[in-house]
Amino acid sequence: MTTPLHNQIEQAYAEFSRQREALSALAAESERAETTVTSKNRAISVTVNGRAAVTSIRFPISAYRTMPAAELGNLIVETIEAARTQAANEAMERYRSSLPEALSDMDPHNGGLDVEAMFSRAARMMNDDRLGDLLNGQRGGGRHE
C-alpha cells in the first residue's frame, strides 16, 4: 500500500523528470542555434552559435576597405556584442516558456545557460519548499513562521 506522501513524492519526481527532459531538449536546440547580425551600415555580418561564440565574420560589401582601422575595429566589436545579445535573448525566450517563474531570472550571458545548474537550483528549491511542505503537511504540522 502506498501512502499519500509517497504518491505526492512520485508525482513531484515525475514532473521534475518531464521538466528535465524538456530542458535537455531545449539545451540541444540551443546548441544547434545560430544567430547572425549585420551592422547598420551592412559592412559586417557576424554569426554566433548557441553558446554565443563567434563562428563567422563576413564583409558583405567592400565598405570595410575604406574604413579607418579604429572605426572598423569598433564596428566589429559592436556587431559581435549585438549578435551575442540577440543570441542570448533568443535562448532566453526558448527557455522562458519551460522555466518555472523562480528560475526565469537566470542570466544567459557569459557562455549560455547551464541546465545542470538550473536543475540543482530547482531541486534545492523543491527540497526547501515543496517537499518540506509535503512532509510537514503529512505529519499534520505545517510551516510555522
C-alpha atoms as a PDB file:
ATOM      1  CA  MET A   1       0.000   0.000   0.000  1.00  0.00           C
ATOM      2  CA  THR A   2       1.319   3.406  -0.873  1.00  0.00           C
ATOM      3  CA  THR A   3       0.830   6.459   1.292  1.00  0.00           C
ATOM      4  CA  PRO A   4      -0.443   9.819   0.106  1.00  0.00           C
ATOM      5  CA  LEU A   5       3.010  11.271   0.809  1.00  0.00           C
ATOM      6  CA  HIS A   6       4.641   8.589  -1.337  1.00  0.00           C
ATOM      7  CA  ASN A   7       2.207   9.350  -4.185  1.00  0.00           C
ATOM      8  CA  GLN A   8       2.901  13.084  -3.919  1.00  0.00           C
ATOM      9  CA  ILE A   9       6.652  12.499  -3.978  1.00  0.00           C
ATOM     10  CA  GLU A  10       6.303  10.228  -7.023  1.00  0.00           C
ATOM     11  CA  GLN A  11       4.187  12.846  -8.798  1.00  0.00           C
ATOM     12  CA  ALA A  12       6.716  15.575  -7.971  1.00  0.00           C
ATOM     13  CA  TYR A  13       9.563  13.405  -9.233  1.00  0.00           C
ATOM     14  CA  ALA A  14       7.666  12.582 -12.444  1.00  0.00           C
ATOM     15  CA  GLU A  15       7.065  16.292 -13.078  1.00  0.00           C
ATOM     16  CA  PHE A  16      10.723  17.017 -12.324  1.00  0.00           C
ATOM     17  CA  SER A  17      11.738  14.334 -14.850  1.00  0.00           C
ATOM     18  CA  ARG A  18       9.405  15.773 -17.514  1.00  0.00           C
ATOM     19  CA  GLN A  19      10.843  19.251 -16.963  1.00  0.00           C
ATOM     20  CA  ARG A  20      14.387  17.894 -17.128  1.00  0.00           C
ATOM     21  CA  GLU A  21      13.678  16.185 -20.457  1.00  0.00           C
ATOM     22  CA  ALA A  22      12.074  19.341 -21.851  1.00  0.00           C
ATOM     23  CA  LEU A  23      15.003  21.482 -20.777  1.00  0.00           C
ATOM     24  CA  SER A  24      17.507  18.988 -22.138  1.00  0.00           C
ATOM     25  CA  ALA A  25      15.733  19.173 -25.493  1.00  0.00           C
ATOM     26  CA  LEU A  26      15.868  22.969 -25.325  1.00  0.00           C
ATOM     27  CA  ALA A  27      19.578  22.822 -24.483  1.00  0.00           C
ATOM     28  CA  ALA A  28      20.184  20.633 -27.544  1.00  0.00           C
ATOM     29  CA  GLU A  29      18.195  23.091 -29.670  1.00  0.00           C
ATOM     30  CA  SER A  30      20.279  25.952 -28.284  1.00  0.00           C
ATOM     31  CA  GLU A  31      23.477  24.078 -29.138  1.00  0.00           C
ATOM     32  CA  ARG A  32      22.349  23.899 -32.782  1.00  0.00           C
ATOM     33  CA  ALA A  33      21.165  27.511 -32.884  1.00  0.00           C
ATOM     34  CA  GLU A  34      22.955  30.184 -34.864  1.00  0.00           C
ATOM     35  CA  THR A  35      22.321  33.910 -34.800  1.00  0.00           C
ATOM     36  CA  THR A  36      23.560  36.312 -37.467  1.00  0.00           C
ATOM     37  CA  VAL A  37      23.603  40.089 -37.063  1.00  0.00           C
ATOM     38  CA  THR A  38      24.589  42.580 -39.740  1.00  0.00           C
ATOM     39  CA  SER A  39      25.865  46.035 -38.811  1.00  0.00           C
ATOM     40  CA  LYS A  40      23.644  49.028 -39.600  1.00  0.00           C
ATOM     41  CA  ASN A  41      25.899  50.083 -42.457  1.00  0.00           C
ATOM     42  CA  ARG A  42      25.882  46.470 -43.757  1.00  0.00           C
ATOM     43  CA  ALA A  43      29.697  46.390 -43.767  1.00  0.00           C
ATOM     44  CA  ILE A  44      29.979  43.456 -41.318  1.00  0.00           C
ATOM     45  CA  SER A  45      27.957  40.343 -40.620  1.00  0.00           C
ATOM     46  CA  VAL A  46      28.672  38.255 -37.503  1.00  0.00           C
ATOM     47  CA  THR A  47      27.343  34.776 -36.726  1.00  0.00           C
ATOM     48  CA  VAL A  48      27.440  33.258 -33.230  1.00  0.00           C
ATOM     49  CA  ASN A  49      26.497  29.764 -32.112  1.00  0.00           C
ATOM     50  CA  GLY A  50      24.202  28.721 -29.246  1.00  0.00           C
ATOM     51  CA  ARG A  51      26.957  29.405 -26.732  1.00  0.00           C
ATOM     52  CA  ALA A  52      27.437  32.918 -28.135  1.00  0.00           C
ATOM     53  CA  ALA A  53      30.845  32.037 -29.585  1.00  0.00           C
ATOM     54  CA  VAL A  54      31.701  33.781 -32.842  1.00  0.00           C
ATOM     55  CA  THR A  55      31.637  31.292 -35.709  1.00  0.00           C
ATOM     56  CA  SER A  56      31.796  33.662 -38.663  1.00  0.00           C
ATOM     57  CA  ILE A  57      32.630  37.243 -39.549  1.00  0.00           C
ATOM     58  CA  ARG A  58      31.787  38.288 -43.087  1.00  0.00           C
ATOM     59  CA  PHE A  59      32.128  41.521 -45.006  1.00  0.00           C
ATOM     60  CA  PRO A  60      29.122  41.511 -47.396  1.00  0.00           C
ATOM     61  CA  ILE A  61      30.150  44.759 -49.070  1.00  0.00           C
ATOM     62  CA  SER A  62      33.532  46.356 -49.615  1.00  0.00           C
ATOM     63  CA  ALA A  63      32.917  49.330 -47.280  1.00  0.00           C
ATOM     64  CA  TYR A  64      35.386  47.913 -44.749  1.00  0.00           C
ATOM     65  CA  ARG A  65      38.252  48.629 -47.185  1.00  0.00           C
ATOM     66  CA  THR A  66      37.902  52.391 -46.849  1.00  0.00           C
ATOM     67  CA  MET A  67      37.129  52.485 -43.109  1.00  0.00           C
ATOM     68  CA  PRO A  68      39.789  53.730 -40.693  1.00  0.00           C
ATOM     69  CA  ALA A  69      41.185  50.831 -38.636  1.00  0.00           C
ATOM     70  CA  ALA A  70      39.786  52.118 -35.324  1.00  0.00           C
ATOM     71  CA  GLU A  71      36.307  52.527 -36.828  1.00  0.00           C
ATOM     72  CA  LEU A  72      36.410  49.042 -38.338  1.00  0.00           C
ATOM     73  CA  GLY A  73      37.604  47.567 -35.055  1.00  0.00           C
ATOM     74  CA  ASN A  74      34.805  49.272 -33.124  1.00  0.00           C
ATOM     75  CA  LEU A  75      32.237  48.140 -35.664  1.00  0.00           C
ATOM     76  CA  ILE A  76      33.427  44.537 -35.375  1.00  0.00           C
ATOM     77  CA  VAL A  77      33.237  44.644 -31.557  1.00  0.00           C
ATOM     78  CA  GLU A  78      29.786  46.289 -31.602  1.00  0.00           C
ATOM     79  CA  THR A  79      28.435  43.786 -34.107  1.00  0.00           C
ATOM     80  CA  ILE A  80      29.805  40.832 -32.135  1.00  0.00           C
ATOM     81  CA  GLU A  81      28.184  42.158 -28.955  1.00  0.00           C
ATOM     82  CA  ALA A  82      24.892  42.721 -30.775  1.00  0.00           C
ATOM     83  CA  ALA A  83      24.972  39.131 -32.094  1.00  0.00           C
ATOM     84  CA  ARG A  84      25.750  37.744 -28.635  1.00  0.00           C
ATOM     85  CA  THR A  85      22.984  39.782 -27.041  1.00  0.00           C
ATOM     86  CA  GLN A  86      20.470  38.700 -29.676  1.00  0.00           C
ATOM     87  CA  ALA A  87      21.517  35.040 -29.298  1.00  0.00           C
ATOM     88  CA  ALA A  88      21.157  35.262 -25.508  1.00  0.00           C
ATOM     89  CA  ASN A  89      17.717  36.844 -25.823  1.00  0.00           C
ATOM     90  CA  GLU A  90      16.606  34.160 -28.289  1.00  0.00           C
ATOM     91  CA  ALA A  91      17.869  31.431 -25.952  1.00  0.00           C
ATOM     92  CA  MET A  92      16.078  33.004 -23.005  1.00  0.00           C
ATOM     93  CA  GLU A  93      12.832  33.089 -24.959  1.00  0.00           C
ATOM     94  CA  ARG A  94      13.205  29.380 -25.751  1.00  0.00           C
ATOM     95  CA  TYR A  95      13.700  28.613 -22.062  1.00  0.00           C
ATOM     96  CA  ARG A  96      11.217  31.087 -20.602  1.00  0.00           C
ATOM     97  CA  SER A  97       8.220  29.042 -21.741  1.00  0.00           C
ATOM     98  CA  SER A  98       9.505  25.980 -19.885  1.00  0.00           C
ATOM     99  CA  LEU A  99      11.102  27.531 -16.828  1.00  0.00           C
ATOM    100  CA  PRO A 100       9.354  27.890 -13.535  1.00  0.00           C
ATOM    101  CA  GLU A 101       8.927  31.558 -12.711  1.00  0.00           C
ATOM    102  CA  ALA A 102      11.535  31.384  -9.961  1.00  0.00           C
ATOM    103  CA  LEU A 103      14.195  30.262 -12.459  1.00  0.00           C
ATOM    104  CA  SER A 104      13.326  32.620 -15.301  1.00  0.00           C
ATOM    105  CA  ASP A 105      15.626  35.331 -13.986  1.00  0.00           C
ATOM    106  CA  MET A 106      18.808  33.387 -14.752  1.00  0.00           C
ATOM    107  CA  ASP A 107      21.256  35.337 -16.920  1.00  0.00           C
ATOM    108  CA  PRO A 108      22.013  33.535 -20.199  1.00  0.00           C
ATOM    109  CA  HIS A 109      25.066  35.696 -20.925  1.00  0.00           C
ATOM    110  CA  ASN A 110      28.628  34.522 -20.417  1.00  0.00           C
ATOM    111  CA  GLY A 111      28.560  31.229 -22.271  1.00  0.00           C
ATOM    112  CA  GLY A 112      24.929  30.210 -22.299  1.00  0.00           C
ATOM    113  CA  LEU A 113      22.606  28.526 -19.858  1.00  0.00           C
ATOM    114  CA  ASP A 114      23.761  25.713 -17.598  1.00  0.00           C
ATOM    115  CA  VAL A 115      20.920  23.189 -17.497  1.00  0.00           C
ATOM    116  CA  GLU A 116      22.527  21.117 -14.749  1.00  0.00           C
ATOM    117  CA  ALA A 117      22.914  24.208 -12.538  1.00  0.00           C
ATOM    118  CA  MET A 118      19.270  25.051 -13.191  1.00  0.00           C
ATOM    119  CA  PHE A 119      18.193  21.591 -12.066  1.00  0.00           C
ATOM    120  CA  SER A 120      20.380  21.752  -8.982  1.00  0.00           C
ATOM    121  CA  ARG A 121      18.732  25.038  -8.071  1.00  0.00           C
ATOM    122  CA  ALA A 122      15.264  23.617  -8.804  1.00  0.00           C
ATOM    123  CA  ALA A 123      15.982  20.558  -6.679  1.00  0.00           C
ATOM    124  CA  ARG A 124      17.127  22.744  -3.786  1.00  0.00           C
ATOM    125  CA  MET A 125      14.003  24.870  -4.133  1.00  0.00           C
ATOM    126  CA  MET A 126      11.796  21.807  -4.264  1.00  0.00           C
ATOM    127  CA  ASN A 127      13.548  20.283  -1.275  1.00  0.00           C
ATOM    128  CA  ASP A 128      13.380  23.509   0.716  1.00  0.00           C
ATOM    129  CA  ASP A 129       9.801  24.436  -0.153  1.00  0.00           C
ATOM    130  CA  ARG A 130       7.547  21.846  -1.761  1.00  0.00           C
ATOM    131  CA  LEU A 131       8.968  18.701  -0.195  1.00  0.00           C
ATOM    132  CA  GLY A 132       9.245  20.420   3.180  1.00  0.00           C
ATOM    133  CA  ASP A 133       5.605  21.458   2.918  1.00  0.00           C
ATOM    134  CA  LEU A 134       4.602  17.917   1.923  1.00  0.00           C
ATOM    135  CA  LEU A 135       6.432  16.391   4.843  1.00  0.00           C
ATOM    136  CA  ASN A 136       5.123  18.939   7.314  1.00  0.00           C
ATOM    137  CA  GLY A 137       1.593  18.584   5.963  1.00  0.00           C
ATOM    138  CA  GLN A 138       1.788  14.788   6.180  1.00  0.00           C
ATOM    139  CA  ARG A 139       2.769  14.993   9.830  1.00  0.00           C
ATOM    140  CA  GLY A 140      -0.189  17.225  10.477  1.00  0.00           C
ATOM    141  CA  GLY A 141       2.111  20.157  11.047  1.00  0.00           C
ATOM    142  CA  GLY A 142       2.811  22.828   8.562  1.00  0.00           C
ATOM    143  CA  ARG A 143       5.200  25.699   8.369  1.00  0.00           C
ATOM    144  CA  HIS A 144       5.362  27.931  11.357  1.00  0.00           C
ATOM    145  CA  GLU A 145       6.736  31.404  10.771  1.00  0.00           C
END
